[in-house]
């Protein structure tokens, strides 16, 4: 059985994965759209911050805690 620490660790990793996957999709979309329009690639979005990852993990944890 998973401990509270295991659950929080897994949620933190899940949040990180979710945000980084979205970030990579956003970059690919920007590159694709720029290429399709023969435009210069604009500035890329910043990668997710630790604060954003923590905030999403906390949101996921709240959902898990609901009855």
N, C-alpha and C. Protein backbone atom coordinates (compact mmCIF):
# COMPACT_ATOMS: atom_id res chain seq x y z
N UNK A 1 0.84 -1.18 0.00
CA UNK A 1 0.00 0.00 0.00
C UNK A 1 0.89 1.25 0.00
N UNK A 2 0.51 2.21 -0.76
CA UNK A 2 1.29 3.45 -0.88
C UNK A 2 1.10 4.33 0.35
N UNK A 3 2.19 4.94 0.76
CA UNK A 3 2.12 5.89 1.87
C UNK A 3 1.71 7.26 1.34
N UNK A 4 1.44 8.17 2.26
CA UNK A 4 1.12 9.55 1.85
C UNK A 4 2.24 10.18 1.06
N UNK A 5 3.49 9.86 1.46
CA UNK A 5 4.64 10.40 0.73
C UNK A 5 4.69 9.87 -0.69
N UNK A 6 4.41 8.57 -0.84
CA UNK A 6 4.41 7.96 -2.18
C UNK A 6 3.36 8.61 -3.07
N UNK A 7 2.18 8.84 -2.51
CA UNK A 7 1.10 9.45 -3.29
C UNK A 7 1.48 10.86 -3.72
N UNK A 8 2.01 11.65 -2.79
CA UNK A 8 2.40 13.02 -3.14
C UNK A 8 3.54 13.03 -4.16
N UNK A 9 4.49 12.12 -4.00
CA UNK A 9 5.61 12.02 -4.95
C UNK A 9 5.09 11.67 -6.35
N UNK A 10 4.19 10.69 -6.40
CA UNK A 10 3.63 10.30 -7.69
C UNK A 10 2.82 11.43 -8.32
N UNK A 11 2.06 12.15 -7.51
CA UNK A 11 1.29 13.28 -8.04
C UNK A 11 2.20 14.39 -8.54
N UNK A 12 3.30 14.61 -7.83
CA UNK A 12 4.27 15.63 -8.27
C UNK A 12 4.87 15.23 -9.62
N UNK A 13 5.23 13.97 -9.75
CA UNK A 13 5.78 13.49 -11.03
C UNK A 13 4.73 13.55 -12.14
N UNK A 14 3.49 13.21 -11.81
CA UNK A 14 2.41 13.28 -12.80
C UNK A 14 2.20 14.72 -13.26
N UNK A 15 2.19 15.65 -12.31
CA UNK A 15 2.00 17.07 -12.65
C UNK A 15 3.13 17.55 -13.54
N UNK A 16 4.36 17.18 -13.20
CA UNK A 16 5.51 17.57 -14.00
C UNK A 16 5.40 17.02 -15.42
N UNK A 17 5.04 15.76 -15.53
CA UNK A 17 4.88 15.14 -16.85
C UNK A 17 3.78 15.82 -17.66
N UNK A 18 2.67 16.09 -17.03
CA UNK A 18 1.56 16.74 -17.72
C UNK A 18 1.96 18.11 -18.27
N UNK A 19 2.63 18.90 -17.44
CA UNK A 19 3.00 20.25 -17.86
C UNK A 19 4.10 20.23 -18.93
N UNK A 20 5.07 19.33 -18.79
CA UNK A 20 6.12 19.26 -19.80
C UNK A 20 5.60 18.72 -21.12
N UNK A 21 4.67 17.78 -21.08
CA UNK A 21 4.07 17.29 -22.32
C UNK A 21 3.30 18.41 -23.03
N UNK A 22 2.57 19.21 -22.27
CA UNK A 22 1.85 20.34 -22.85
C UNK A 22 2.83 21.34 -23.44
N UNK A 23 3.91 21.62 -22.73
CA UNK A 23 4.92 22.55 -23.20
C UNK A 23 5.51 22.07 -24.52
N UNK A 24 5.84 20.77 -24.61
CA UNK A 24 6.39 20.22 -25.85
C UNK A 24 5.37 20.29 -26.98
N UNK A 25 4.11 20.00 -26.69
CA UNK A 25 3.06 20.10 -27.72
C UNK A 25 2.92 21.54 -28.21
N UNK A 26 2.98 22.49 -27.28
CA UNK A 26 2.87 23.91 -27.66
C UNK A 26 4.02 24.30 -28.59
N UNK A 27 5.23 23.86 -28.27
CA UNK A 27 6.39 24.17 -29.11
C UNK A 27 6.23 23.56 -30.50
N UNK A 28 5.81 22.31 -30.55
CA UNK A 28 5.61 21.65 -31.85
C UNK A 28 4.53 22.36 -32.67
N UNK A 29 3.47 22.82 -32.02
CA UNK A 29 2.41 23.54 -32.71
C UNK A 29 2.94 24.86 -33.27
N UNK A 30 3.72 25.57 -32.49
CA UNK A 30 4.31 26.84 -32.94
C UNK A 30 5.21 26.60 -34.14
N UNK A 31 6.06 25.58 -34.06
CA UNK A 31 6.97 25.27 -35.18
C UNK A 31 6.20 24.87 -36.42
N UNK A 32 5.17 24.04 -36.24
CA UNK A 32 4.38 23.60 -37.38
C UNK A 32 3.68 24.78 -38.05
N UNK A 33 3.04 25.62 -37.24
CA UNK A 33 2.31 26.76 -37.79
C UNK A 33 3.25 27.74 -38.49
N UNK A 34 4.42 27.96 -37.91
CA UNK A 34 5.39 28.86 -38.54
C UNK A 34 5.87 28.28 -39.87
N UNK A 35 6.12 26.98 -39.89
CA UNK A 35 6.57 26.33 -41.11
C UNK A 35 5.50 26.34 -42.19
N UNK A 36 4.26 26.15 -41.80
CA UNK A 36 3.16 26.13 -42.76
C UNK A 36 2.95 27.49 -43.39
N UNK A 37 3.28 28.54 -42.65
CA UNK A 37 3.10 29.90 -43.15
C UNK A 37 4.41 30.51 -43.66
N UNK A 38 5.49 29.71 -43.66
CA UNK A 38 6.82 30.19 -44.05
C UNK A 38 7.22 31.44 -43.27
N UNK A 39 6.94 31.40 -41.99
CA UNK A 39 7.28 32.51 -41.10
C UNK A 39 8.45 32.11 -40.21
N UNK A 40 9.09 33.12 -39.67
CA UNK A 40 10.14 32.86 -38.71
C UNK A 40 9.50 32.32 -37.42
N UNK A 41 10.18 31.38 -36.78
CA UNK A 41 9.65 30.82 -35.54
C UNK A 41 9.73 31.89 -34.45
N UNK A 42 8.58 32.18 -33.82
CA UNK A 42 8.57 33.22 -32.77
C UNK A 42 9.24 32.70 -31.49
N UNK A 43 9.34 33.58 -30.52
CA UNK A 43 9.90 33.17 -29.23
C UNK A 43 9.11 32.00 -28.68
N UNK A 44 9.83 31.07 -28.13
CA UNK A 44 9.20 29.87 -27.58
C UNK A 44 8.73 30.13 -26.15
N UNK A 45 7.70 29.42 -25.74
CA UNK A 45 7.23 29.57 -24.36
C UNK A 45 8.27 29.03 -23.38
N UNK A 46 8.25 29.58 -22.20
CA UNK A 46 9.16 29.12 -21.15
C UNK A 46 8.70 27.75 -20.64
N UNK A 47 9.64 26.91 -20.22
CA UNK A 47 9.22 25.63 -19.65
C UNK A 47 8.49 25.84 -18.33
N UNK A 48 7.75 24.83 -17.90
CA UNK A 48 7.03 24.97 -16.63
C UNK A 48 7.98 25.24 -15.47
N UNK A 49 7.53 26.05 -14.55
CA UNK A 49 8.33 26.36 -13.37
C UNK A 49 7.99 25.38 -12.24
N UNK A 50 8.85 25.36 -11.24
CA UNK A 50 8.60 24.51 -10.07
C UNK A 50 7.29 24.92 -9.40
N UNK A 51 7.02 26.22 -9.37
CA UNK A 51 5.79 26.71 -8.74
C UNK A 51 4.55 26.21 -9.50
N UNK A 52 4.61 26.20 -10.83
CA UNK A 52 3.48 25.70 -11.63
C UNK A 52 3.27 24.20 -11.40
N UNK A 53 4.38 23.47 -11.34
CA UNK A 53 4.30 22.02 -11.11
C UNK A 53 3.71 21.74 -9.74
N UNK A 54 4.18 22.48 -8.74
CA UNK A 54 3.67 22.29 -7.38
C UNK A 54 2.19 22.63 -7.31
N UNK A 55 1.78 23.71 -7.97
CA UNK A 55 0.37 24.12 -7.94
C UNK A 55 -0.52 23.05 -8.56
N UNK A 56 -0.10 22.48 -9.68
CA UNK A 56 -0.90 21.43 -10.31
C UNK A 56 -0.91 20.17 -9.43
N UNK A 57 0.21 19.83 -8.83
CA UNK A 57 0.26 18.66 -7.95
C UNK A 57 -0.69 18.85 -6.76
N UNK A 58 -0.73 20.05 -6.21
CA UNK A 58 -1.65 20.33 -5.11
C UNK A 58 -3.10 20.21 -5.55
N UNK A 59 -3.38 20.67 -6.75
CA UNK A 59 -4.74 20.57 -7.29
C UNK A 59 -5.12 19.09 -7.47
N UNK A 60 -4.20 18.30 -7.99
CA UNK A 60 -4.46 16.87 -8.16
C UNK A 60 -4.63 16.19 -6.80
N UNK A 61 -3.83 16.59 -5.82
CA UNK A 61 -3.91 16.01 -4.48
C UNK A 61 -5.27 16.32 -3.83
N UNK A 62 -5.75 17.54 -4.02
CA UNK A 62 -7.06 17.91 -3.50
C UNK A 62 -8.15 17.02 -4.10
N UNK A 63 -8.03 16.75 -5.37
CA UNK A 63 -9.01 15.89 -6.04
C UNK A 63 -8.97 14.48 -5.44
N UNK A 64 -7.78 13.97 -5.19
CA UNK A 64 -7.63 12.63 -4.62
C UNK A 64 -8.21 12.57 -3.21
N UNK A 65 -8.08 13.65 -2.47
CA UNK A 65 -8.53 13.68 -1.09
C UNK A 65 -10.05 13.78 -0.95
N UNK A 66 -10.75 14.24 -1.99
CA UNK A 66 -12.21 14.37 -1.93
C UNK A 66 -12.87 13.02 -1.75
N UNK A 67 -13.98 13.03 -1.05
CA UNK A 67 -14.72 11.79 -0.85
C UNK A 67 -15.96 11.77 -1.70
